Amino acid sequence: MDVMRMPRPPGVLENEWENLRPAVFGAAYRLLGSVADAEDVVQDVWLRAATAELCDVRDLRAWLLTVAARRSYDILKSARVRRETYVGPWLPAPLLTGPDASEPVLVDESVGSAMLLVMEELKPSERVAFILHDVFGLEFSQIADVLGASAAAARQLASRARRKVAAARQSTPHASRAERERLVTTFRSAYEEGDMAGLVRLLHPDAVFVSDGGGKLAAARKSIHGGARIAMVMVRVGRRWRSDSIEVVEVGGEPALLLRRDGRVVSVDTVEIKDGLIAAYRRVLNPDKLAHV
């Protein structure tokens, strides 16, 4: 008898689910850039799996990922419309990936804020094809089923996305983890001390500062350019809204800063490094995106 075709006995699905859940969440988060939406997708996938006939499913991981991708694809297409009315710049919700992370997830550069912003420029179909094939290794025939396209079309979409991602990578040289940690830690000290000169030394002359408040609270609705100007703004804001603590944490596999005030998280800051200096400083302030932190 082919045991792979036998219904999974009670409890077996739950055991398999615990092992595969991080991949389901990771795929949804990479596709959507939202922890809350990814968690909703995970719940939808579990409910679908719990009521589905899985006796003929030979690759449960691939089945779960395609279900998650199909739901995420629907959300992603509608999200494009919602973001047209988003107040101020949009940044992906920060995902804690260090020892204190509540969601275990496969960590690579595709969960970093810089790469999520690159993927935000892809068409939804390109993003799905790229993530499912290049990150999770699904066959193009499986991806085609998600997109409602042919396997050849899915291959072309992934190839097109791969070229765009590669071009973005070339424009942003990769800094070592040690260098990122050093810069983030030194930046924290200068920020805590209100040391404007120290901040200017750490910021690239052409640096950009992006803050995402989502219209929920005061935040710059346009990007701020120039290291000296960014330092001035950060010192002024730091004096006006002094934090109780600033912690170095891991977000998307990279060092980041987590600011608390009155015992609650008020911002999560990530950086992008170029030529040994901070070229992009991104601050998530939207409380909806920090609720899970």
C-alpha atoms as a PDB file:
ATOM      1  CA  MET A   1       0.000   0.000   0.000  1.00  0.00           C
ATOM      2  CA  ASP A   2       1.245   3.510  -0.852  1.00  0.00           C
ATOM      3  CA  VAL A   3       1.435   5.092   2.602  1.00  0.00           C
ATOM      4  CA  MET A   4       1.840   8.550   1.037  1.00  0.00           C
ATOM      5  CA  ARG A   5      -1.763   8.319  -0.111  1.00  0.00           C
ATOM      6  CA  MET A   6      -3.159   7.421   3.285  1.00  0.00           C
ATOM      7  CA  PRO A   7      -4.985  10.169   5.201  1.00  0.00           C
ATOM      8  CA  ARG A   8      -2.752  11.800   7.769  1.00  0.00           C
ATOM      9  CA  PRO A   9      -3.798  10.487  11.203  1.00  0.00           C
ATOM     10  CA  PRO A  10      -4.899  12.959  13.921  1.00  0.00           C
ATOM     11  CA  GLY A  11      -1.964  14.845  15.343  1.00  0.00           C
ATOM     12  CA  VAL A  12       0.370  14.260  12.406  1.00  0.00           C
ATOM     13  CA  LEU A  13      -0.781  17.368  10.539  1.00  0.00           C
ATOM     14  CA  GLU A  14      -0.244  19.422  13.685  1.00  0.00           C
ATOM     15  CA  ASN A  15       3.319  18.128  14.005  1.00  0.00           C
ATOM     16  CA  GLU A  16       4.088  18.819  10.358  1.00  0.00           C
ATOM     17  CA  TRP A  17       2.476  22.237  10.644  1.00  0.00           C
ATOM     18  CA  GLU A  18       4.739  23.295  13.507  1.00  0.00           C
ATOM     19  CA  ASN A  19       7.763  22.518  11.352  1.00  0.00           C
ATOM     20  CA  LEU A  20       6.402  24.191   8.231  1.00  0.00           C
ATOM     21  CA  ARG A  21       4.667  27.208   9.769  1.00  0.00           C
ATOM     22  CA  PRO A  22       7.846  29.390   9.710  1.00  0.00           C
ATOM     23  CA  ALA A  23       8.114  28.893   5.949  1.00  0.00           C
ATOM     24  CA  VAL A  24       4.435  29.803   5.459  1.00  0.00           C
ATOM     25  CA  PHE A  25       4.809  32.939   7.565  1.00  0.00           C
ATOM     26  CA  GLY A  26       8.120  33.806   5.895  1.00  0.00           C
ATOM     27  CA  ALA A  27       6.654  33.575   2.411  1.00  0.00           C
ATOM     28  CA  ALA A  28       3.636  35.712   3.335  1.00  0.00           C
ATOM     29  CA  TYR A  29       5.800  38.345   5.043  1.00  0.00           C
ATOM     30  CA  ARG A  30       8.180  38.608   2.091  1.00  0.00           C
ATOM     31  CA  LEU A  31       5.251  38.969  -0.269  1.00  0.00           C
ATOM     32  CA  LEU A  32       3.331  41.526   1.796  1.00  0.00           C
ATOM     33  CA  GLY A  33       5.861  43.379   3.951  1.00  0.00           C
ATOM     34  CA  SER A  34       3.311  43.284   6.774  1.00  0.00           C
ATOM     35  CA  VAL A  35       3.512  41.151   9.905  1.00  0.00           C
ATOM     36  CA  ALA A  36      -0.214  41.523  10.633  1.00  0.00           C
ATOM     37  CA  ASP A  37      -1.226  40.511   7.089  1.00  0.00           C
ATOM     38  CA  ALA A  38       1.243  37.616   7.143  1.00  0.00           C
ATOM     39  CA  GLU A  39      -0.221  36.339  10.404  1.00  0.00           C
ATOM     40  CA  ASP A  40      -3.713  36.502   8.876  1.00  0.00           C
ATOM     41  CA  VAL A  41      -2.489  34.500   5.899  1.00  0.00           C
ATOM     42  CA  VAL A  42      -0.962  31.889   8.201  1.00  0.00           C
ATOM     43  CA  GLN A  43      -4.305  31.513   9.984  1.00  0.00           C
ATOM     44  CA  ASP A  44      -6.126  31.172   6.652  1.00  0.00           C
ATOM     45  CA  VAL A  45      -3.657  28.517   5.488  1.00  0.00           C
ATOM     46  CA  TRP A  46      -4.028  26.523   8.703  1.00  0.00           C
ATOM     47  CA  LEU A  47      -7.821  26.561   8.467  1.00  0.00           C
ATOM     48  CA  ARG A  48      -7.625  25.442   4.832  1.00  0.00           C
ATOM     49  CA  ALA A  49      -5.170  22.646   5.687  1.00  0.00           C
ATOM     50  CA  ALA A  50      -7.206  21.466   8.675  1.00  0.00           C
ATOM     51  CA  THR A  51     -10.296  20.921   6.521  1.00  0.00           C
ATOM     52  CA  ALA A  52      -8.643  19.727   3.297  1.00  0.00           C
ATOM     53  CA  GLU A  53      -8.218  16.188   1.998  1.00  0.00           C
ATOM     54  CA  LEU A  54      -4.441  15.878   2.114  1.00  0.00           C
ATOM     55  CA  CYS A  55      -4.033  12.158   1.405  1.00  0.00           C
ATOM     56  CA  ASP A  56      -2.920  12.873  -2.159  1.00  0.00           C
ATOM     57  CA  VAL A  57      -0.550  15.705  -1.190  1.00  0.00           C
ATOM     58  CA  ARG A  58       2.976  14.359  -1.571  1.00  0.00           C
ATOM     59  CA  ASP A  59       4.785  17.643  -0.794  1.00  0.00           C
ATOM     60  CA  LEU A  60       2.963  19.341   2.070  1.00  0.00           C
ATOM     61  CA  ARG A  61       5.458  22.213   2.224  1.00  0.00           C
ATOM     62  CA  ALA A  62       4.866  23.129  -1.416  1.00  0.00           C
ATOM     63  CA  TRP A  63       1.086  22.773  -0.964  1.00  0.00           C
ATOM     64  CA  LEU A  64       1.069  25.099   2.049  1.00  0.00           C
ATOM     65  CA  LEU A  65       3.304  27.635   0.333  1.00  0.00           C
ATOM     66  CA  THR A  66       1.107  27.767  -2.750  1.00  0.00           C
ATOM     67  CA  VAL A  67      -2.000  28.274  -0.613  1.00  0.00           C
ATOM     68  CA  ALA A  68      -0.226  31.062   1.280  1.00  0.00           C
ATOM     69  CA  ALA A  69       1.024  32.626  -1.945  1.00  0.00           C
ATOM     70  CA  ARG A  70      -2.400  32.547  -3.564  1.00  0.00           C
ATOM     71  CA  ARG A  71      -3.944  34.374  -0.595  1.00  0.00           C
ATOM     72  CA  SER A  72      -1.012  36.803  -0.401  1.00  0.00           C
ATOM     73  CA  TYR A  73      -1.260  37.495  -4.135  1.00  0.00           C
ATOM     74  CA  ASP A  74      -4.877  38.594  -3.714  1.00  0.00           C
ATOM     75  CA  ILE A  75      -3.938  40.854  -0.794  1.00  0.00           C
ATOM     76  CA  LEU A  76      -0.918  42.225  -2.637  1.00  0.00           C
ATOM     77  CA  LYS A  77      -2.971  43.310  -5.630  1.00  0.00           C
ATOM     78  CA  SER A  78      -5.486  45.158  -3.456  1.00  0.00           C
ATOM     79  CA  ALA A  79      -2.695  46.618  -1.306  1.00  0.00           C
ATOM     80  CA  ARG A  80      -1.365  48.516  -4.309  1.00  0.00           C
ATOM     81  CA  VAL A  81      -4.630  50.447  -4.441  1.00  0.00           C
ATOM     82  CA  ARG A  82      -4.645  51.118  -0.672  1.00  0.00           C
ATOM     83  CA  ARG A  83      -1.080  52.422  -0.698  1.00  0.00           C
ATOM     84  CA  GLU A  84      -1.993  55.103  -3.196  1.00  0.00           C
ATOM     85  CA  THR A  85      -3.872  56.797  -0.340  1.00  0.00           C
ATOM     86  CA  TYR A  86      -1.298  55.979   2.362  1.00  0.00           C
ATOM     87  CA  VAL A  87      -0.264  59.106   4.264  1.00  0.00           C
ATOM     88  CA  GLY A  88       3.459  59.777   3.812  1.00  0.00           C
ATOM     89  CA  PRO A  89       6.142  57.248   2.878  1.00  0.00           C
ATOM     90  CA  TRP A  90       5.383  53.533   3.243  1.00  0.00           C
ATOM     91  CA  LEU A  91       7.893  51.213   4.899  1.00  0.00           C
ATOM     92  CA  PRO A  92       7.579  47.464   5.573  1.00  0.00           C
ATOM     93  CA  ALA A  93       6.579  46.477   9.099  1.00  0.00           C
ATOM     94  CA  PRO A  94       9.715  45.546  11.075  1.00  0.00           C
ATOM     95  CA  LEU A  95      10.162  41.847  11.742  1.00  0.00           C
ATOM     96  CA  LEU A  96      12.241  40.986  14.808  1.00  0.00           C
ATOM     97  CA  THR A  97      14.526  38.083  13.914  1.00  0.00           C
ATOM     98  CA  GLY A  98      16.875  37.957  16.904  1.00  0.00           C
ATOM     99  CA  PRO A  99      16.678  35.750  20.009  1.00  0.00           C
ATOM    100  CA  ASP A 100      13.524  37.523  21.211  1.00  0.00           C
ATOM    101  CA  ALA A 101      11.636  37.084  17.939  1.00  0.00           C
ATOM    102  CA  SER A 102       8.086  35.827  18.388  1.00  0.00           C
ATOM    103  CA  GLU A 103       7.974  34.440  14.822  1.00  0.00           C
ATOM    104  CA  PRO A 104      10.697  31.953  13.819  1.00  0.00           C
ATOM    105  CA  VAL A 105      11.462  32.587  10.144  1.00  0.00           C
ATOM    106  CA  LEU A 106      14.111  31.738   7.584  1.00  0.00           C
ATOM    107  CA  VAL A 107      16.428  34.766   7.621  1.00  0.00           C
ATOM    108  CA  ASP A 108      18.180  36.043   4.510  1.00  0.00           C
ATOM    109  CA  GLU A 109      18.502  39.373   2.750  1.00  0.00           C
ATOM    110  CA  SER A 110      14.980  39.073   1.350  1.00  0.00           C
ATOM    111  CA  VAL A 111      13.535  39.937   4.789  1.00  0.00           C
ATOM    112  CA  GLY A 112      15.704  43.050   5.156  1.00  0.00           C
ATOM    113  CA  SER A 113      14.003  46.431   4.814  1.00  0.00           C
ATOM    114  CA  ALA A 114      16.113  47.450   1.804  1.00  0.00           C
ATOM    115  CA  MET A 115      15.243  44.314  -0.172  1.00  0.00           C
ATOM    116  CA  LEU A 116      11.566  44.471   0.794  1.00  0.00           C
ATOM    117  CA  LEU A 117      11.486  48.011  -0.615  1.00  0.00           C
ATOM    118  CA  VAL A 118      13.109  46.770  -3.814  1.00  0.00           C
ATOM    119  CA  MET A 119      10.484  44.050  -4.106  1.00  0.00           C
ATOM    120  CA  GLU A 120       7.802  46.652  -3.488  1.00  0.00           C
ATOM    121  CA  GLU A 121       8.722  48.063  -6.914  1.00  0.00           C
ATOM    122  CA  LEU A 122       8.041  44.724  -8.594  1.00  0.00           C
ATOM    123  CA  LYS A 123       4.697  43.824 -10.078  1.00  0.00           C
ATOM    124  CA  PRO A 124       2.710  41.507  -7.782  1.00  0.00           C
ATOM    125  CA  SER A 125       3.111  38.603 -10.208  1.00  0.00           C
ATOM    126  CA  GLU A 126       6.881  39.192 -10.447  1.00  0.00           C
ATOM    127  CA  ARG A 127       7.197  39.299  -6.690  1.00  0.00           C
ATOM    128  CA  VAL A 128       5.298  36.035  -6.254  1.00  0.00           C
ATOM    129  CA  ALA A 129       7.336  34.243  -8.923  1.00  0.00           C
ATOM    130  CA  PHE A 130      10.647  35.497  -7.538  1.00  0.00           C
ATOM    131  CA  ILE A 131       9.920  34.713  -3.886  1.00  0.00           C
ATOM    132  CA  LEU A 132       8.448  31.278  -4.493  1.00  0.00           C
ATOM    133  CA  HIS A 133      11.189  30.151  -6.878  1.00  0.00           C
ATOM    134  CA  ASP A 134      14.380  31.941  -5.793  1.00  0.00           C
ATOM    135  CA  VAL A 135      13.762  31.940  -2.036  1.00  0.00           C
ATOM    136  CA  PHE A 136      11.616  28.830  -1.471  1.00  0.00           C
ATOM    137  CA  GLY A 137      12.584  26.698  -4.462  1.00  0.00           C
ATOM    138  CA  LEU A 138       9.131  25.903  -5.846  1.00  0.00           C
ATOM    139  CA  GLU A 139       8.778  24.610  -9.387  1.00  0.00           C
ATOM    140  CA  PHE A 140       7.442  26.974 -12.030  1.00  0.00           C
ATOM    141  CA  SER A 141       4.530  24.621 -12.655  1.00  0.00           C
ATOM    142  CA  GLN A 142       3.476  25.133  -9.018  1.00  0.00           C
ATOM    143  CA  ILE A 143       3.970  28.911  -9.264  1.00  0.00           C
ATOM    144  CA  ALA A 144       1.935  28.981 -12.457  1.00  0.00           C
ATOM    145  CA  ASP A 145      -0.994  27.529 -10.550  1.00  0.00           C
ATOM    146  CA  VAL A 146      -0.820  30.423  -8.083  1.00  0.00           C
ATOM    147  CA  LEU A 147      -0.652  33.081 -10.802  1.00  0.00           C
ATOM    148  CA  GLY A 148      -3.138  31.486 -13.178  1.00  0.00           C
ATOM    149  CA  ALA A 149      -0.475  31.503 -15.887  1.00  0.00           C
ATOM    150  CA  SER A 150       1.678  29.029 -17.785  1.00  0.00           C
ATOM    151  CA  ALA A 151       4.915  27.652 -16.372  1.00  0.00           C
ATOM    152  CA  ALA A 152       6.812  29.493 -19.123  1.00  0.00           C
ATOM    153  CA  ALA A 153       5.164  32.776 -18.137  1.00  0.00           C
ATOM    154  CA  ALA A 154       6.013  32.175 -14.460  1.00  0.00           C
ATOM    155  CA  ARG A 155       9.635  31.546 -15.454  1.00  0.00           C
ATOM    156  CA  GLN A 156       9.742  34.818 -17.389  1.00  0.00           C
ATOM    157  CA  LEU A 157       8.246  36.731 -14.470  1.00  0.00           C
ATOM    158  CA  ALA A 158      10.869  35.350 -12.083  1.00  0.00           C
ATOM    159  CA  SER A 159      13.658  36.141 -14.541  1.00  0.00           C
ATOM    160  CA  ARG A 160      12.421  39.713 -14.982  1.00  0.00           C
ATOM    161  CA  ALA A 161      12.206  40.169 -11.207  1.00  0.00           C
ATOM    162  CA  ARG A 162      15.674  38.650 -10.751  1.00  0.00           C
ATOM    163  CA  ARG A 163      17.197  41.208 -13.115  1.00  0.00           C
ATOM    164  CA  LYS A 164      15.564  44.098 -11.268  1.00  0.00           C
ATOM    165  CA  VAL A 165      16.691  42.767  -7.881  1.00  0.00           C
ATOM    166  CA  ALA A 166      20.242  42.229  -9.181  1.00  0.00           C
ATOM    167  CA  ALA A 167      20.387  45.802 -10.473  1.00  0.00           C
ATOM    168  CA  ALA A 168      19.273  47.112  -7.082  1.00  0.00           C
ATOM    169  CA  ARG A 169      21.891  44.992  -5.306  1.00  0.00           C
ATOM    170  CA  GLN A 170      24.650  46.397  -7.500  1.00  0.00           C
ATOM    171  CA  SER A 171      23.679  49.962  -6.596  1.00  0.00           C
ATOM    172  CA  THR A 172      23.888  49.161  -2.869  1.00  0.00           C
ATOM    173  CA  PRO A 173      27.171  47.471  -1.901  1.00  0.00           C
ATOM    174  CA  HIS A 174      26.766  44.915   0.875  1.00  0.00           C
ATOM    175  CA  ALA A 175      28.274  45.858   4.238  1.00  0.00           C
ATOM    176  CA  SER A 176      29.493  43.171   6.618  1.00  0.00           C
ATOM    177  CA  ARG A 177      27.521  42.436   9.729  1.00  0.00           C
ATOM    178  CA  ALA A 178      30.398  43.664  11.902  1.00  0.00           C
ATOM    179  CA  GLU A 179      30.415  46.994  10.054  1.00  0.00           C
ATOM    180  CA  ARG A 180      26.633  47.374  10.378  1.00  0.00           C
ATOM    181  CA  GLU A 181      26.755  46.596  14.094  1.00  0.00           C
ATOM    182  CA  ARG A 182      29.573  49.077  14.638  1.00  0.00           C
ATOM    183  CA  LEU A 183      27.789  51.875  12.809  1.00  0.00           C
ATOM    184  CA  VAL A 184      24.437  51.248  14.478  1.00  0.00           C
ATOM    185  CA  THR A 185      25.986  51.104  17.961  1.00  0.00           C
ATOM    186  CA  THR A 186      28.052  54.244  17.381  1.00  0.00           C
ATOM    187  CA  PHE A 187      25.027  56.021  15.934  1.00  0.00           C
ATOM    188  CA  ARG A 188      22.982  55.120  19.001  1.00  0.00           C
ATOM    189  CA  SER A 189      25.563  56.690  21.313  1.00  0.00           C
ATOM    190  CA  ALA A 190      25.719  59.896  19.274  1.00  0.00           C
ATOM    191  CA  TYR A 191      21.928  60.082  19.078  1.00  0.00           C
ATOM    192  CA  GLU A 192      21.504  59.566  22.823  1.00  0.00           C
ATOM    193  CA  GLU A 193      24.044  62.303  23.540  1.00  0.00           C
ATOM    194  CA  GLY A 194      22.556  64.727  21.017  1.00  0.00           C
ATOM    195  CA  ASP A 195      25.969  64.850  19.336  1.00  0.00           C
ATOM    196  CA  MET A 196      25.192  66.508  15.992  1.00  0.00           C
ATOM    197  CA  ALA A 197      28.795  66.480  14.794  1.00  0.00           C
ATOM    198  CA  GLY A 198      29.048  62.812  15.663  1.00  0.00           C
ATOM    199  CA  LEU A 199      25.888  62.027  13.688  1.00  0.00           C
ATOM    200  CA  VAL A 200      27.151  63.989  10.674  1.00  0.00           C
ATOM    201  CA  ARG A 201      30.346  61.927  10.674  1.00  0.00           C
ATOM    202  CA  LEU A 202      28.316  58.717  10.524  1.00  0.00           C
ATOM    203  CA  LEU A 203      25.868  59.841   7.838  1.00  0.00           C
ATOM    204  CA  HIS A 204      26.687  59.806   4.131  1.00  0.00           C
ATOM    205  CA  PRO A 205      26.599  63.350   2.647  1.00  0.00           C
ATOM    206  CA  ASP A 206      23.812  62.195   0.314  1.00  0.00           C
ATOM    207  CA  ALA A 207      21.961  60.200   2.973  1.00  0.00           C
ATOM    208  CA  VAL A 208      18.165  60.003   2.997  1.00  0.00           C
ATOM    209  CA  PHE A 209      15.898  59.809   6.060  1.00  0.00           C
ATOM    210  CA  VAL A 210      12.471  58.197   5.630  1.00  0.00           C
ATOM    211  CA  SER A 211       9.853  58.034   8.381  1.00  0.00           C
ATOM    212  CA  ASP A 212       6.589  56.097   8.230  1.00  0.00           C
ATOM    213  CA  GLY A 213       3.897  57.416  10.548  1.00  0.00           C
ATOM    214  CA  GLY A 214       0.992  56.361   8.350  1.00  0.00           C
ATOM    215  CA  GLY A 215      -0.921  59.487   9.357  1.00  0.00           C
ATOM    216  CA  LYS A 216      -1.289  58.055  12.868  1.00  0.00           C
ATOM    217  CA  LEU A 217       1.125  60.530  14.451  1.00  0.00           C
ATOM    218  CA  ALA A 218       3.543  63.307  13.563  1.00  0.00           C
ATOM    219  CA  ALA A 219       6.146  62.197  11.028  1.00  0.00           C
ATOM    220  CA  ALA A 220       7.855  63.778   8.038  1.00  0.00           C
ATOM    221  CA  ARG A 221       5.633  63.190   5.018  1.00  0.00           C
ATOM    222  CA  LYS A 222       8.544  63.601   2.636  1.00  0.00           C
ATOM    223  CA  SER A 223      12.025  62.154   2.701  1.00  0.00           C
ATOM    224  CA  ILE A 224      14.777  64.301   4.190  1.00  0.00           C
ATOM    225  CA  HIS A 225      18.010  64.461   2.192  1.00  0.00           C
ATOM    226  CA  GLY A 226      21.567  65.280   3.205  1.00  0.00           C
ATOM    227  CA  GLY A 227      23.570  64.028   6.168  1.00  0.00           C
ATOM    228  CA  ALA A 228      23.897  67.406   7.886  1.00  0.00           C
ATOM    229  CA  ARG A 229      20.183  68.171   7.578  1.00  0.00           C
ATOM    230  CA  ILE A 230      19.226  64.697   8.834  1.00  0.00           C
ATOM    231  CA  ALA A 231      21.514  65.084  11.857  1.00  0.00           C
ATOM    232  CA  MET A 232      19.957  68.448  12.695  1.00  0.00           C
ATOM    233  CA  VAL A 233      16.426  67.072  12.458  1.00  0.00           C
ATOM    234  CA  MET A 234      17.256  63.982  14.531  1.00  0.00           C
ATOM    235  CA  VAL A 235      18.874  66.004  17.308  1.00  0.00           C
ATOM    236  CA  ARG A 236      15.904  68.369  17.416  1.00  0.00           C
ATOM    237  CA  VAL A 237      13.393  65.509  17.494  1.00  0.00           C
ATOM    238  CA  GLY A 238      15.495  63.623  20.047  1.00  0.00           C
ATOM    239  CA  ARG A 239      15.456  66.582  22.415  1.00  0.00           C
ATOM    240  CA  ARG A 240      11.728  67.127  22.023  1.00  0.00           C
ATOM    241  CA  TRP A 241      10.702  63.456  22.232  1.00  0.00           C
ATOM    242  CA  ARG A 242      13.379  61.933  24.403  1.00  0.00           C
ATOM    243  CA  SER A 243      13.301  58.138  24.573  1.00  0.00           C
ATOM    244  CA  ASP A 244      13.487  56.145  27.798  1.00  0.00           C
ATOM    245  CA  SER A 245      15.791  53.651  26.116  1.00  0.00           C
ATOM    246  CA  ILE A 246      17.322  52.806  22.755  1.00  0.00           C
ATOM    247  CA  GLU A 247      18.142  49.141  22.182  1.00  0.00           C
ATOM    248  CA  VAL A 248      20.144  47.479  19.446  1.00  0.00           C
ATOM    249  CA  VAL A 249      17.969  44.633  18.110  1.00  0.00           C
ATOM    250  CA  GLU A 250      17.885  42.413  15.053  1.00  0.00           C
ATOM    251  CA  VAL A 251      15.291  43.273  12.408  1.00  0.00           C
ATOM    252  CA  GLY A 252      15.132  41.343   9.170  1.00  0.00           C
ATOM    253  CA  GLY A 253      18.481  39.754  10.019  1.00  0.00           C
ATOM    254  CA  GLU A 254      20.202  43.130  10.413  1.00  0.00           C
ATOM    255  CA  PRO A 255      21.130  45.355  13.387  1.00  0.00           C
ATOM    256  CA  ALA A 256      18.492  48.006  14.077  1.00  0.00           C
ATOM    257  CA  LEU A 257      17.461  50.425  16.815  1.00  0.00           C
ATOM    258  CA  LEU A 258      14.322  50.054  18.915  1.00  0.00           C
ATOM    259  CA  LEU A 259      13.185  53.157  20.826  1.00  0.00           C
ATOM    260  CA  ARG A 260      10.904  53.017  23.860  1.00  0.00           C
ATOM    261  CA  ARG A 261       9.037  55.784  25.633  1.00  0.00           C
ATOM    262  CA  ASP A 262       6.845  55.311  28.700  1.00  0.00           C
ATOM    263  CA  GLY A 263       7.426  51.580  28.478  1.00  0.00           C
ATOM    264  CA  ARG A 264       6.190  51.105  24.915  1.00  0.00           C
ATOM    265  CA  VAL A 265       7.911  50.819  21.554  1.00  0.00           C
ATOM    266  CA  VAL A 266       7.623  54.093  19.645  1.00  0.00           C
ATOM    267  CA  SER A 267       9.898  53.425  16.671  1.00  0.00           C
ATOM    268  CA  VAL A 268      12.074  50.843  14.991  1.00  0.00           C
ATOM    269  CA  ASP A 269      14.931  52.217  12.885  1.00  0.00           C
ATOM    270  CA  THR A 270      16.865  50.370  10.182  1.00  0.00           C
ATOM    271  CA  VAL A 271      19.834  51.563   8.142  1.00  0.00           C
ATOM    272  CA  GLU A 272      21.462  51.018   4.773  1.00  0.00           C
ATOM    273  CA  ILE A 273      25.211  51.456   4.489  1.00  0.00           C
ATOM    274  CA  LYS A 274      27.346  52.734   1.609  1.00  0.00           C
ATOM    275  CA  ASP A 275      31.066  53.493   1.641  1.00  0.00           C
ATOM    276  CA  GLY A 276      31.220  52.818   5.375  1.00  0.00           C
ATOM    277  CA  LEU A 277      28.543  55.422   6.157  1.00  0.00           C
ATOM    278  CA  ILE A 278      24.782  55.370   6.720  1.00  0.00           C
ATOM    279  CA  ALA A 279      23.224  56.143   3.342  1.00  0.00           C
ATOM    280  CA  ALA A 280      19.598  55.503   4.290  1.00  0.00           C
ATOM    281  CA  TYR A 281      17.942  55.771   7.693  1.00  0.00           C
ATOM    282  CA  ARG A 282      14.402  54.379   7.875  1.00  0.00           C
ATOM    283  CA  ARG A 283      12.144  54.910  10.882  1.00  0.00           C
ATOM    284  CA  VAL A 284       8.839  53.087  11.376  1.00  0.00           C
ATOM    285  CA  LEU A 285       6.562  55.065  13.714  1.00  0.00           C
ATOM    286  CA  ASN A 286       3.150  53.806  12.618  1.00  0.00           C
ATOM    287  CA  PRO A 287       1.770  52.137  15.782  1.00  0.00           C
ATOM    288  CA  ASP A 288      -0.165  49.620  13.674  1.00  0.00           C
ATOM    289  CA  LYS A 289       3.173  48.306  12.374  1.00  0.00           C
ATOM    290  CA  LEU A 290       4.719  48.185  15.842  1.00  0.00           C
ATOM    291  CA  ALA A 291       1.894  46.416  17.667  1.00  0.00           C
ATOM    292  CA  HIS A 292       3.588  43.017  17.305  1.00  0.00           C
ATOM    293  CA  VAL A 293       7.035  44.215  18.478  1.00  0.00           C
END
